[in-house]
């Protein structure tokens, strides 16, 4: 599974809820925190292979065979949707897909600062 020492910026398969919480679908997500508290919750961001025509300002496009894509474990072009966040227990992780490289980590940090208006 995913070790505690390297959970942040890891891509995992998890059951992610639909927008209306009617159901869940197993999909990739990026871990944005280490596990927190007794129940080992982790804040994750949704990753989708459905690329919207217009990206949100908080989206990060990860194209296959690009420098950002290497090591992620993703199989096709994907978009990290940083405005779609949820906290789930680490026990729900199905498996690890890969890890982010330092350039992608930096982009995520910058986008999160923008999203939460952190100065």
PDB file of N, CA and C in Angstrom:
ATOM      1  N   UNK A   1       0.851  -1.188   0.000  1.00  0.00           N
ATOM      2  CA  UNK A   1       0.000   0.000   0.000  1.00  0.00           C
ATOM      3  C   UNK A   1       0.885   1.236   0.000  1.00  0.00           C
ATOM      4  N   UNK A   2       0.401   2.318   0.577  1.00  0.00           N
ATOM      5  CA  UNK A   2       1.117   3.589   0.586  1.00  0.00           C
ATOM      6  C   UNK A   2       1.694   3.815   1.966  1.00  0.00           C
ATOM      7  N   UNK A   3       3.002   4.052   2.042  1.00  0.00           N
ATOM      8  CA  UNK A   3       3.635   4.268   3.344  1.00  0.00           C
ATOM      9  C   UNK A   3       3.314   5.661   3.863  1.00  0.00           C
ATOM     10  N   UNK A   4       3.301   5.801   5.173  1.00  0.00           N
ATOM     11  CA  UNK A   4       3.013   7.089   5.807  1.00  0.00           C
ATOM     12  C   UNK A   4       4.066   8.125   5.447  1.00  0.00           C
ATOM     13  N   UNK A   5       5.313   7.698   5.288  1.00  0.00           N
ATOM     14  CA  UNK A   5       6.385   8.657   5.027  1.00  0.00           C
ATOM     15  C   UNK A   5       6.253   9.298   3.656  1.00  0.00           C
ATOM     16  N   UNK A   6       5.638   8.603   2.695  1.00  0.00           N
ATOM     17  CA  UNK A   6       5.490   9.185   1.363  1.00  0.00           C
ATOM     18  C   UNK A   6       4.062   9.003   0.876  1.00  0.00           C
ATOM     19  N   UNK A   7       3.140   9.667   1.548  1.00  0.00           N
ATOM     20  CA  UNK A   7       1.749   9.607   1.113  1.00  0.00           C
ATOM     21  C   UNK A   7       1.375  10.889   0.366  1.00  0.00           C
ATOM     22  N   UNK A   8       1.874  12.025   0.845  1.00  0.00           N
ATOM     23  CA  UNK A   8       1.580  13.296   0.198  1.00  0.00           C
ATOM     24  C   UNK A   8       2.163  13.277  -1.211  1.00  0.00           C
ATOM     25  N   UNK A   9       1.372  13.724  -2.172  1.00  0.00           N
ATOM     26  CA  UNK A   9       1.728  13.773  -3.600  1.00  0.00           C
ATOM     27  C   UNK A   9       1.843  12.393  -4.228  1.00  0.00           C
ATOM     28  N   UNK A  10       1.133  11.436  -3.652  1.00  0.00           N
ATOM     29  CA  UNK A  10       1.031  10.106  -4.228  1.00  0.00           C
ATOM     30  C   UNK A  10      -0.312  10.018  -4.956  1.00  0.00           C
ATOM     31  N   UNK A  11      -0.343   9.309  -6.075  1.00  0.00           N
ATOM     32  CA  UNK A  11      -1.594   9.077  -6.787  1.00  0.00           C
ATOM     33  C   UNK A  11      -2.078   7.676  -6.437  1.00  0.00           C
ATOM     34  N   UNK A  12      -3.336   7.620  -5.998  1.00  0.00           N
ATOM     35  CA  UNK A  12      -3.934   6.367  -5.545  1.00  0.00           C
ATOM     36  C   UNK A  12      -5.286   6.170  -6.227  1.00  0.00           C
ATOM     37  N   UNK A  13      -5.735   4.929  -6.251  1.00  0.00           N
ATOM     38  CA  UNK A  13      -7.104   4.630  -6.680  1.00  0.00           C
ATOM     39  C   UNK A  13      -7.984   4.602  -5.445  1.00  0.00           C
ATOM     40  N   UNK A  14      -9.098   5.345  -5.507  1.00  0.00           N
ATOM     41  CA  UNK A  14      -9.999   5.451  -4.364  1.00  0.00           C
ATOM     42  C   UNK A  14     -11.444   5.519  -4.842  1.00  0.00           C
ATOM     43  N   UNK A  15     -12.386   5.140  -3.974  1.00  0.00           N
ATOM     44  CA  UNK A  15     -13.792   5.382  -4.293  1.00  0.00           C
ATOM     45  C   UNK A  15     -14.079   6.867  -4.082  1.00  0.00           C
ATOM     46  N   UNK A  16     -14.421   7.560  -5.149  1.00  0.00           N
ATOM     47  CA  UNK A  16     -14.640   9.003  -5.077  1.00  0.00           C
ATOM     48  C   UNK A  16     -16.122   9.272  -5.295  1.00  0.00           C
ATOM     49  N   UNK A  17     -16.750  10.100  -4.463  1.00  0.00           N
ATOM     50  CA  UNK A  17     -18.197  10.330  -4.588  1.00  0.00           C
ATOM     51  C   UNK A  17     -18.546  11.171  -5.817  1.00  0.00           C
ATOM     52  N   UNK A  18     -19.710  10.888  -6.394  1.00  0.00           N
ATOM     53  CA  UNK A  18     -20.270  11.747  -7.431  1.00  0.00           C
ATOM     54  C   UNK A  18     -20.658  13.074  -6.784  1.00  0.00           C
ATOM     55  N   UNK A  19     -20.837  14.110  -7.605  1.00  0.00           N
ATOM     56  CA  UNK A  19     -21.180  15.431  -7.085  1.00  0.00           C
ATOM     57  C   UNK A  19     -22.423  15.424  -6.195  1.00  0.00           C
ATOM     58  N   UNK A  20     -23.399  14.587  -6.522  1.00  0.00           N
ATOM     59  CA  UNK A  20     -24.630  14.563  -5.730  1.00  0.00           C
ATOM     60  C   UNK A  20     -24.593  13.531  -4.602  1.00  0.00           C
ATOM     61  N   UNK A  21     -23.436  12.891  -4.412  1.00  0.00           N
ATOM     62  CA  UNK A  21     -23.220  11.885  -3.359  1.00  0.00           C
ATOM     63  C   UNK A  21     -24.153  10.683  -3.484  1.00  0.00           C
ATOM     64  N   UNK A  22     -24.726  10.468  -4.674  1.00  0.00           N
ATOM     65  CA  UNK A  22     -25.638   9.343  -4.874  1.00  0.00           C
ATOM     66  C   UNK A  22     -24.896   8.022  -4.979  1.00  0.00           C
ATOM     67  N   UNK A  23     -23.622   8.076  -5.343  1.00  0.00           N
ATOM     68  CA  UNK A  23     -22.838   6.870  -5.538  1.00  0.00           C
ATOM     69  C   UNK A  23     -21.363   7.243  -5.552  1.00  0.00           C
ATOM     70  N   UNK A  24     -20.528   6.233  -5.663  1.00  0.00           N
ATOM     71  CA  UNK A  24     -19.091   6.470  -5.776  1.00  0.00           C
ATOM     72  C   UNK A  24     -18.548   5.676  -6.964  1.00  0.00           C
ATOM     73  N   UNK A  25     -17.414   6.109  -7.454  1.00  0.00           N
ATOM     74  CA  UNK A  25     -16.728   5.411  -8.535  1.00  0.00           C
ATOM     75  C   UNK A  25     -15.250   5.361  -8.182  1.00  0.00           C
ATOM     76  N   UNK A  26     -14.625   4.222  -8.426  1.00  0.00           N
ATOM     77  CA  UNK A  26     -13.193   4.114  -8.163  1.00  0.00           C
ATOM     78  C   UNK A  26     -12.453   4.858  -9.259  1.00  0.00           C
ATOM     79  N   UNK A  27     -11.615   5.785  -8.839  1.00  0.00           N
ATOM     80  CA  UNK A  27     -10.876   6.611  -9.779  1.00  0.00           C
ATOM     81  C   UNK A  27      -9.586   7.098  -9.151  1.00  0.00           C
ATOM     82  N   UNK A  28      -8.678   7.615  -9.966  1.00  0.00           N
ATOM     83  CA  UNK A  28      -7.430   8.120  -9.400  1.00  0.00           C
ATOM     84  C   UNK A  28      -7.637   9.450  -8.681  1.00  0.00           C
ATOM     85  N   UNK A  29      -6.812   9.652  -7.682  1.00  0.00           N
ATOM     86  CA  UNK A  29      -6.818  10.908  -6.933  1.00  0.00           C
ATOM     87  C   UNK A  29      -5.401  11.161  -6.439  1.00  0.00           C
ATOM     88  N   UNK A  30      -5.100  12.422  -6.207  1.00  0.00           N
ATOM     89  CA  UNK A  30      -3.787  12.766  -5.676  1.00  0.00           C
ATOM     90  C   UNK A  30      -3.935  13.138  -4.203  1.00  0.00           C
ATOM     91  N   UNK A  31      -3.073  12.580  -3.378  1.00  0.00           N
ATOM     92  CA  UNK A  31      -3.066  12.877  -1.944  1.00  0.00           C
ATOM     93  C   UNK A  31      -2.419  14.239  -1.726  1.00  0.00           C
ATOM     94  N   UNK A  32      -3.125  15.118  -1.029  1.00  0.00           N
ATOM     95  CA  UNK A  32      -2.624  16.469  -0.784  1.00  0.00           C
ATOM     96  C   UNK A  32      -2.077  16.644   0.627  1.00  0.00           C
ATOM     97  N   UNK A  33      -2.313  15.654   1.495  1.00  0.00           N
ATOM     98  CA  UNK A  33      -1.809  15.712   2.864  1.00  0.00           C
ATOM     99  C   UNK A  33      -1.267  14.344   3.256  1.00  0.00           C
ATOM    100  N   UNK A  34      -0.551  14.328   4.337  1.00  0.00           N
ATOM    101  CA  UNK A  34      -0.236  13.057   4.992  1.00  0.00           C
ATOM    102  C   UNK A  34      -1.501  12.652   5.745  1.00  0.00           C
ATOM    103  N   UNK A  35      -1.536  11.445   6.281  1.00  0.00           N
ATOM    104  CA  UNK A  35      -2.742  11.041   7.021  1.00  0.00           C
ATOM    105  C   UNK A  35      -2.839  11.858   8.307  1.00  0.00           C
ATOM    106  N   UNK A  36      -4.103  12.165   8.657  1.00  0.00           N
ATOM    107  CA  UNK A  36      -4.392  13.062   9.770  1.00  0.00           C
ATOM    108  C   UNK A  36      -5.261  12.341  10.786  1.00  0.00           C
ATOM    109  N   UNK A  37      -4.882  12.406  12.048  1.00  0.00           N
ATOM    110  CA  UNK A  37      -5.725  11.928  13.135  1.00  0.00           C
ATOM    111  C   UNK A  37      -5.787  10.425  13.293  1.00  0.00           C
ATOM    112  N   UNK A  38      -6.598  10.028  14.261  1.00  0.00           N
ATOM    113  CA  UNK A  38      -6.745   8.614  14.613  1.00  0.00           C
ATOM    114  C   UNK A  38      -7.282   7.765  13.466  1.00  0.00           C
ATOM    115  N   UNK A  39      -8.144   8.345  12.631  1.00  0.00           N
ATOM    116  CA  UNK A  39      -8.747   7.583  11.540  1.00  0.00           C
ATOM    117  C   UNK A  39      -7.935   7.676  10.248  1.00  0.00           C
ATOM    118  N   UNK A  40      -6.793   8.335  10.322  1.00  0.00           N
ATOM    119  CA  UNK A  40      -5.870   8.477   9.188  1.00  0.00           C
ATOM    120  C   UNK A  40      -6.565   8.985   7.933  1.00  0.00           C
ATOM    121  N   UNK A  41      -7.278  10.109   8.071  1.00  0.00           N
ATOM    122  CA  UNK A  41      -7.902  10.748   6.919  1.00  0.00           C
ATOM    123  C   UNK A  41      -6.847  11.453   6.084  1.00  0.00           C
ATOM    124  N   UNK A  42      -7.076  11.471   4.782  1.00  0.00           N
ATOM    125  CA  UNK A  42      -6.189  12.132   3.830  1.00  0.00           C
ATOM    126  C   UNK A  42      -7.045  13.007   2.924  1.00  0.00           C
ATOM    127  N   UNK A  43      -6.610  14.244   2.705  1.00  0.00           N
ATOM    128  CA  UNK A  43      -7.297  15.113   1.757  1.00  0.00           C
ATOM    129  C   UNK A  43      -6.790  14.759   0.366  1.00  0.00           C
ATOM    130  N   UNK A  44      -7.736  14.463  -0.528  1.00  0.00           N
ATOM    131  CA  UNK A  44      -7.379  14.066  -1.888  1.00  0.00           C
ATOM    132  C   UNK A  44      -8.086  14.960  -2.903  1.00  0.00           C
ATOM    133  N   UNK A  45      -7.509  15.042  -4.081  1.00  0.00           N
ATOM    134  CA  UNK A  45      -8.112  15.783  -5.195  1.00  0.00           C
ATOM    135  C   UNK A  45      -8.411  14.802  -6.322  1.00  0.00           C
ATOM    136  N   UNK A  46      -9.543  14.980  -6.919  1.00  0.00           N
ATOM    137  CA  UNK A  46     -10.070  14.176  -8.008  1.00  0.00           C
ATOM    138  C   UNK A  46      -9.187  14.300  -9.256  1.00  0.00           C
ATOM    139  N   UNK A  47      -8.961  13.195  -9.943  1.00  0.00           N
ATOM    140  CA  UNK A  47      -8.281  13.200 -11.235  1.00  0.00           C
ATOM    141  C   UNK A  47      -9.238  12.588 -12.245  1.00  0.00           C
ATOM    142  N   UNK A  48      -9.408  13.247 -13.379  1.00  0.00           N
ATOM    143  CA  UNK A  48     -10.345  12.778 -14.394  1.00  0.00           C
ATOM    144  C   UNK A  48      -9.651  12.616 -15.739  1.00  0.00           C
ATOM    145  N   UNK A  49     -10.109  11.635 -16.496  1.00  0.00           N
ATOM    146  CA  UNK A  49      -9.630  11.481 -17.873  1.00  0.00           C
ATOM    147  C   UNK A  49     -10.543  12.220 -18.846  1.00  0.00           C
ATOM    148  N   UNK A  50     -11.629  12.790 -18.334  1.00  0.00           N
ATOM    149  CA  UNK A  50     -12.522  13.608 -19.151  1.00  0.00           C
ATOM    150  C   UNK A  50     -12.001  15.047 -19.086  1.00  0.00           C
ATOM    151  N   UNK A  51     -11.378  15.470 -20.168  1.00  0.00           N
ATOM    152  CA  UNK A  51     -10.777  16.806 -20.209  1.00  0.00           C
ATOM    153  C   UNK A  51     -11.839  17.804 -20.668  1.00  0.00           C
ATOM    154  N   UNK A  52     -12.160  18.790 -19.823  1.00  0.00           N
ATOM    155  CA  UNK A  52     -13.175  19.770 -20.235  1.00  0.00           C
ATOM    156  C   UNK A  52     -12.644  20.677 -21.353  1.00  0.00           C
ATOM    157  N   UNK A  53     -13.569  21.206 -22.154  1.00  0.00           N
ATOM    158  CA  UNK A  53     -13.157  22.126 -23.218  1.00  0.00           C
ATOM    159  C   UNK A  53     -12.431  23.326 -22.645  1.00  0.00           C
ATOM    160  N   UNK A  54     -12.964  23.835 -21.545  1.00  0.00           N
ATOM    161  CA  UNK A  54     -12.320  24.955 -20.863  1.00  0.00           C
ATOM    162  C   UNK A  54     -11.911  24.496 -19.472  1.00  0.00           C
ATOM    163  N   UNK A  55     -10.620  24.577 -19.196  1.00  0.00           N
ATOM    164  CA  UNK A  55     -10.124  24.194 -17.879  1.00  0.00           C
ATOM    165  C   UNK A  55     -10.465  25.269 -16.862  1.00  0.00           C
ATOM    166  N   UNK A  56     -10.727  24.843 -15.637  1.00  0.00           N
ATOM    167  CA  UNK A  56     -10.878  25.786 -14.535  1.00  0.00           C
ATOM    168  C   UNK A  56      -9.495  26.321 -14.166  1.00  0.00           C
ATOM    169  N   UNK A  57      -9.451  27.436 -13.505  1.00  0.00           N
ATOM    170  CA  UNK A  57      -8.155  28.006 -13.108  1.00  0.00           C
ATOM    171  C   UNK A  57      -7.426  27.104 -12.123  1.00  0.00           C
ATOM    172  N   UNK A  58      -8.158  26.198 -11.481  1.00  0.00           N
ATOM    173  CA  UNK A  58      -7.556  25.297 -10.498  1.00  0.00           C
ATOM    174  C   UNK A  58      -7.240  23.917 -11.072  1.00  0.00           C
ATOM    175  N   UNK A  59      -7.456  23.733 -12.367  1.00  0.00           N
ATOM    176  CA  UNK A  59      -7.160  22.461 -13.023  1.00  0.00           C
ATOM    177  C   UNK A  59      -5.702  22.408 -13.467  1.00  0.00           C
ATOM    178  N   UNK A  60      -5.156  21.201 -13.472  1.00  0.00           N
ATOM    179  CA  UNK A  60      -3.808  20.978 -14.013  1.00  0.00           C
ATOM    180  C   UNK A  60      -3.899  19.837 -15.014  1.00  0.00           C
ATOM    181  N   UNK A  61      -3.592  20.136 -16.258  1.00  0.00           N
ATOM    182  CA  UNK A  61      -3.626  19.142 -17.319  1.00  0.00           C
ATOM    183  C   UNK A  61      -2.330  18.341 -17.307  1.00  0.00           C
ATOM    184  N   UNK A  62      -2.465  17.029 -17.313  1.00  0.00           N
ATOM    185  CA  UNK A  62      -1.311  16.131 -17.317  1.00  0.00           C
ATOM    186  C   UNK A  62      -1.420  15.274 -18.577  1.00  0.00           C
ATOM    187  N   UNK A  63      -0.633  15.646 -19.590  1.00  0.00           N
ATOM    188  CA  UNK A  63      -0.704  14.933 -20.874  1.00  0.00           C
ATOM    189  C   UNK A  63       0.265  13.765 -20.892  1.00  0.00           C
ATOM    190  N   UNK A  64      -0.206  12.674 -21.490  1.00  0.00           N
ATOM    191  CA  UNK A  64       0.595  11.456 -21.600  1.00  0.00           C
ATOM    192  C   UNK A  64       1.931  11.769 -22.267  1.00  0.00           C
ATOM    193  N   UNK A  65       2.968  11.185 -21.708  1.00  0.00           N
ATOM    194  CA  UNK A  65       4.341  11.316 -22.207  1.00  0.00           C
ATOM    195  C   UNK A  65       4.950  12.701 -22.017  1.00  0.00           C
ATOM    196  N   UNK A  66       4.286  13.589 -21.258  1.00  0.00           N
ATOM    197  CA  UNK A  66       4.890  14.876 -20.935  1.00  0.00           C
ATOM    198  C   UNK A  66       5.751  14.721 -19.681  1.00  0.00           C
ATOM    199  N   UNK A  67       6.543  15.718 -19.379  1.00  0.00           N
ATOM    200  CA  UNK A  67       7.364  15.669 -18.170  1.00  0.00           C
ATOM    201  C   UNK A  67       6.503  15.548 -16.910  1.00  0.00           C
ATOM    202  N   UNK A  68       5.325  16.197 -16.907  1.00  0.00           N
ATOM    203  CA  UNK A  68       4.447  16.132 -15.739  1.00  0.00           C
ATOM    204  C   UNK A  68       3.874  14.737 -15.548  1.00  0.00           C
ATOM    205  N   UNK A  69       3.667  13.996 -16.630  1.00  0.00           N
ATOM    206  CA  UNK A  69       3.009  12.685 -16.607  1.00  0.00           C
ATOM    207  C   UNK A  69       3.909  11.587 -16.053  1.00  0.00           C
ATOM    208  N   UNK A  70       5.205  11.706 -16.264  1.00  0.00           N
ATOM    209  CA  UNK A  70       6.142  10.639 -15.892  1.00  0.00           C
ATOM    210  C   UNK A  70       6.077  10.311 -14.404  1.00  0.00           C
ATOM    211  N   UNK A  71       5.921   9.029 -14.112  1.00  0.00           N
ATOM    212  CA  UNK A  71       5.915   8.552 -12.732  1.00  0.00           C
ATOM    213  C   UNK A  71       4.564   8.570 -12.061  1.00  0.00           C
ATOM    214  N   UNK A  72       3.544   9.164 -12.730  1.00  0.00           N
ATOM    215  CA  UNK A  72       2.232   9.283 -12.090  1.00  0.00           C
ATOM    216  C   UNK A  72       1.463   7.966 -12.056  1.00  0.00           C
ATOM    217  N   UNK A  73       1.747   7.086 -13.000  1.00  0.00           N
ATOM    218  CA  UNK A  73       0.988   5.847 -13.098  1.00  0.00           C
ATOM    219  C   UNK A  73      -0.313   6.010 -13.854  1.00  0.00           C
ATOM    220  N   UNK A  74      -0.587   7.227 -14.337  1.00  0.00           N
ATOM    221  CA  UNK A  74      -1.789   7.457 -15.138  1.00  0.00           C
ATOM    222  C   UNK A  74      -1.585   6.858 -16.523  1.00  0.00           C
ATOM    223  N   UNK A  75      -2.663   6.384 -17.137  1.00  0.00           N
ATOM    224  CA  UNK A  75      -2.548   5.706 -18.429  1.00  0.00           C
ATOM    225  C   UNK A  75      -2.911   6.585 -19.608  1.00  0.00           C
ATOM    226  N   UNK A  76      -3.675   7.644 -19.364  1.00  0.00           N
ATOM    227  CA  UNK A  76      -4.104   8.523 -20.457  1.00  0.00           C
ATOM    228  C   UNK A  76      -4.066   9.971 -19.985  1.00  0.00           C
ATOM    229  N   UNK A  77      -4.209  10.898 -20.953  1.00  0.00           N
ATOM    230  CA  UNK A  77      -4.281  12.315 -20.596  1.00  0.00           C
ATOM    231  C   UNK A  77      -5.312  12.488 -19.488  1.00  0.00           C
ATOM    232  N   UNK A  78      -4.966  13.298 -18.497  1.00  0.00           N
ATOM    233  CA  UNK A  78      -5.842  13.478 -17.336  1.00  0.00           C
ATOM    234  C   UNK A  78      -5.780  14.916 -16.858  1.00  0.00           C
ATOM    235  N   UNK A  79      -6.734  15.269 -16.027  1.00  0.00           N
ATOM    236  CA  UNK A  79      -6.749  16.590 -15.424  1.00  0.00           C
ATOM    237  C   UNK A  79      -6.925  16.431 -13.917  1.00  0.00           C
ATOM    238  N   UNK A  80      -6.050  17.086 -13.172  1.00  0.00           N
ATOM    239  CA  UNK A  80      -6.171  17.137 -11.709  1.00  0.00           C
ATOM    240  C   UNK A  80      -7.110  18.294 -11.406  1.00  0.00           C
ATOM    241  N   UNK A  81      -8.211  18.003 -10.724  1.00  0.00           N
ATOM    242  CA  UNK A  81      -9.249  18.999 -10.450  1.00  0.00           C
ATOM    243  C   UNK A  81      -9.151  19.404  -8.981  1.00  0.00           C
ATOM    244  N   UNK A  82      -8.366  20.430  -8.719  1.00  0.00           N
ATOM    245  CA  UNK A  82      -8.073  20.814  -7.337  1.00  0.00           C
ATOM    246  C   UNK A  82      -9.259  21.443  -6.614  1.00  0.00           C
ATOM    247  N   UNK A  83     -10.322  21.781  -7.322  1.00  0.00           N
ATOM    248  CA  UNK A  83     -11.523  22.287  -6.658  1.00  0.00           C
ATOM    249  C   UNK A  83     -12.456  21.141  -6.247  1.00  0.00           C
ATOM    250  N   UNK A  84     -12.096  19.906  -6.613  1.00  0.00           N
ATOM    251  CA  UNK A  84     -12.877  18.735  -6.205  1.00  0.00           C
ATOM    252  C   UNK A  84     -12.069  17.974  -5.161  1.00  0.00           C
ATOM    253  N   UNK A  85     -12.267  18.355  -3.905  1.00  0.00           N
ATOM    254  CA  UNK A  85     -11.509  17.805  -2.789  1.00  0.00           C
ATOM    255  C   UNK A  85     -12.425  17.039  -1.852  1.00  0.00           C
ATOM    256  N   UNK A  86     -11.852  16.033  -1.213  1.00  0.00           N
ATOM    257  CA  UNK A  86     -12.580  15.287  -0.194  1.00  0.00           C
ATOM    258  C   UNK A  86     -11.547  14.720   0.781  1.00  0.00           C
ATOM    259  N   UNK A  87     -11.987  14.482   2.001  1.00  0.00           N
ATOM    260  CA  UNK A  87     -11.149  13.842   3.005  1.00  0.00           C
ATOM    261  C   UNK A  87     -11.686  12.434   3.215  1.00  0.00           C
ATOM    262  N   UNK A  88     -10.816  11.427   3.051  1.00  0.00           N
ATOM    263  CA  UNK A  88     -11.246  10.043   3.225  1.00  0.00           C
ATOM    264  C   UNK A  88     -10.234   9.299   4.091  1.00  0.00           C
ATOM    265  N   UNK A  89     -10.667   8.238   4.751  1.00  0.00           N
ATOM    266  CA  UNK A  89      -9.703   7.434   5.514  1.00  0.00           C
ATOM    267  C   UNK A  89      -8.758   6.702   4.565  1.00  0.00           C
ATOM    268  N   UNK A  90      -7.525   6.625   4.965  1.00  0.00           N
ATOM    269  CA  UNK A  90      -6.507   5.946   4.161  1.00  0.00           C
ATOM    270  C   UNK A  90      -6.882   4.489   3.893  1.00  0.00           C
ATOM    271  N   UNK A  91      -7.680   3.906   4.748  1.00  0.00           N
ATOM    272  CA  UNK A  91      -8.086   2.509   4.578  1.00  0.00           C
ATOM    273  C   UNK A  91      -8.912   2.290   3.305  1.00  0.00           C
ATOM    274  N   UNK A  92      -9.451   3.352   2.718  1.00  0.00           N
ATOM    275  CA  UNK A  92     -10.230   3.225   1.486  1.00  0.00           C
ATOM    276  C   UNK A  92      -9.364   3.188   0.227  1.00  0.00           C
ATOM    277  N   UNK A  93      -8.066   3.452   0.369  1.00  0.00           N
ATOM    278  CA  UNK A  93      -7.183   3.391  -0.796  1.00  0.00           C
ATOM    279  C   UNK A  93      -7.193   1.978  -1.360  1.00  0.00           C
ATOM    280  N   UNK A  94      -7.410   1.857  -2.660  1.00  0.00           N
ATOM    281  CA  UNK A  94      -7.394   0.541  -3.319  1.00  0.00           C
ATOM    282  C   UNK A  94      -5.965   0.133  -3.658  1.00  0.00           C
ATOM    283  N   UNK A  95      -5.214   1.068  -4.254  1.00  0.00           N
ATOM    284  CA  UNK A  95      -3.805   0.808  -4.542  1.00  0.00           C
ATOM    285  C   UNK A  95      -3.122   2.086  -4.986  1.00  0.00           C
ATOM    286  N   UNK A  96      -1.816   2.065  -4.921  1.00  0.00           N
ATOM    287  CA  UNK A  96      -0.997   3.193  -5.354  1.00  0.00           C
ATOM    288  C   UNK A  96      -0.767   3.074  -6.858  1.00  0.00           C
ATOM    289  N   UNK A  97      -0.900   4.214  -7.561  1.00  0.00           N
ATOM    290  CA  UNK A  97      -0.607   4.242  -8.993  1.00  0.00           C
ATOM    291  C   UNK A  97       0.787   4.797  -9.270  1.00  0.00           C
ATOM    292  N   UNK A  98       1.144   5.869  -8.568  1.00  0.00           N
ATOM    293  CA  UNK A  98       2.435   6.502  -8.821  1.00  0.00           C
ATOM    294  C   UNK A  98       2.631   7.702  -7.919  1.00  0.00           C
ATOM    295  N   UNK A  99       3.610   8.514  -8.287  1.00  0.00           N
ATOM    296  CA  UNK A  99       3.934   9.709  -7.502  1.00  0.00           C
ATOM    297  C   UNK A  99       4.112  10.888  -8.430  1.00  0.00           C
ATOM    298  N   UNK A 100       3.980  12.075  -7.883  1.00  0.00           N
ATOM    299  CA  UNK A 100       4.182  13.292  -8.653  1.00  0.00           C
ATOM    300  C   UNK A 100       5.650  13.677  -8.636  1.00  0.00           C
ATOM    301  N   UNK A 101       6.105  14.246  -9.729  1.00  0.00           N
ATOM    302  CA  UNK A 101       7.471  14.764  -9.730  1.00  0.00           C
ATOM    303  C   UNK A 101       7.464  16.171  -9.126  1.00  0.00           C
ATOM    304  N   UNK A 102       8.630  16.725  -8.901  1.00  0.00           N
ATOM    305  CA  UNK A 102       8.738  18.008  -8.189  1.00  0.00           C
ATOM    306  C   UNK A 102       8.070  19.156  -8.955  1.00  0.00           C
ATOM    307  N   UNK A 103       8.090  19.129 -10.277  1.00  0.00           N
ATOM    308  CA  UNK A 103       7.448  20.192 -11.054  1.00  0.00           C
ATOM    309  C   UNK A 103       5.933  20.169 -10.856  1.00  0.00           C
ATOM    310  N   UNK A 104       5.348  18.990 -10.869  1.00  0.00           N
ATOM    311  CA  UNK A 104       3.908  18.866 -10.664  1.00  0.00           C
ATOM    312  C   UNK A 104       3.529  19.216  -9.223  1.00  0.00           C
ATOM    313  N   UNK A 105       4.356  18.840  -8.270  1.00  0.00           N
ATOM    314  CA  UNK A 105       4.127  19.233  -6.871  1.00  0.00           C
ATOM    315  C   UNK A 105       4.076  20.753  -6.753  1.00  0.00           C
ATOM    316  N   UNK A 106       5.013  21.443  -7.389  1.00  0.00           N
ATOM    317  CA  UNK A 106       5.061  22.912  -7.351  1.00  0.00           C
ATOM    318  C   UNK A 106       3.816  23.516  -7.963  1.00  0.00           C
ATOM    319  N   UNK A 107       3.375  22.979  -9.081  1.00  0.00           N
ATOM    320  CA  UNK A 107       2.164  23.495  -9.727  1.00  0.00           C
ATOM    321  C   UNK A 107       0.959  23.326  -8.821  1.00  0.00           C
ATOM    322  N   UNK A 108       0.875  22.184  -8.153  1.00  0.00           N
ATOM    323  CA  UNK A 108      -0.236  21.959  -7.232  1.00  0.00           C
ATOM    324  C   UNK A 108      -0.179  22.951  -6.075  1.00  0.00           C
ATOM    325  N   UNK A 109       0.980  23.153  -5.486  1.00  0.00           N
ATOM    326  CA  UNK A 109       1.120  24.120  -4.393  1.00  0.00           C
ATOM    327  C   UNK A 109       0.656  25.502  -4.833  1.00  0.00           C
ATOM    328  N   UNK A 110       1.083  25.931  -6.015  1.00  0.00           N
ATOM    329  CA  UNK A 110       0.708  27.254  -6.525  1.00  0.00           C
ATOM    330  C   UNK A 110      -0.794  27.360  -6.757  1.00  0.00           C
ATOM    331  N   UNK A 111      -1.383  26.325  -7.331  1.00  0.00           N
ATOM    332  CA  UNK A 111      -2.829  26.340  -7.591  1.00  0.00           C
ATOM    333  C   UNK A 111      -3.619  26.318  -6.284  1.00  0.00           C
ATOM    334  N   UNK A 112      -3.169  25.566  -5.292  1.00  0.00           N
ATOM    335  CA  UNK A 112      -3.860  25.546  -4.002  1.00  0.00           C
ATOM    336  C   UNK A 112      -3.759  26.895  -3.304  1.00  0.00           C
ATOM    337  N   UNK A 113      -2.602  27.531  -3.407  1.00  0.00           N
ATOM    338  CA  UNK A 113      -2.462  28.882  -2.858  1.00  0.00           C
ATOM    339  C   UNK A 113      -3.444  29.835  -3.518  1.00  0.00           C
ATOM    340  N   UNK A 114      -3.596  29.705  -4.831  1.00  0.00           N
ATOM    341  CA  UNK A 114      -4.535  30.519  -5.589  1.00  0.00           C
ATOM    342  C   UNK A 114      -5.981  30.201  -5.169  1.00  0.00           C
ATOM    343  N   UNK A 115      -6.315  28.919  -5.092  1.00  0.00           N
ATOM    344  CA  UNK A 115      -7.672  28.496  -4.747  1.00  0.00           C
ATOM    345  C   UNK A 115      -8.085  28.996  -3.361  1.00  0.00           C
ATOM    346  N   UNK A 116      -7.205  28.837  -2.383  1.00  0.00           N
ATOM    347  CA  UNK A 116      -7.539  29.225  -1.015  1.00  0.00           C
ATOM    348  C   UNK A 116      -7.078  30.631  -0.661  1.00  0.00           C
ATOM    349  N   UNK A 117      -6.584  31.338  -1.666  1.00  0.00           N
ATOM    350  CA  UNK A 117      -6.131  32.730  -1.504  1.00  0.00           C
ATOM    351  C   UNK A 117      -5.141  32.876  -0.368  1.00  0.00           C
ATOM    352  N   UNK A 118      -4.163  31.965  -0.374  1.00  0.00           N
ATOM    353  CA  UNK A 118      -3.096  31.986   0.627  1.00  0.00           C
ATOM    354  C   UNK A 118      -1.984  32.891   0.104  1.00  0.00           C
ATOM    355  N   UNK A 119      -1.570  33.807   0.925  1.00  0.00           N
ATOM    356  CA  UNK A 119      -0.505  34.742   0.495  1.00  0.00           C
ATOM    357  C   UNK A 119       0.828  34.350   1.049  1.00  0.00           C
TER     358      UNK A 119
END
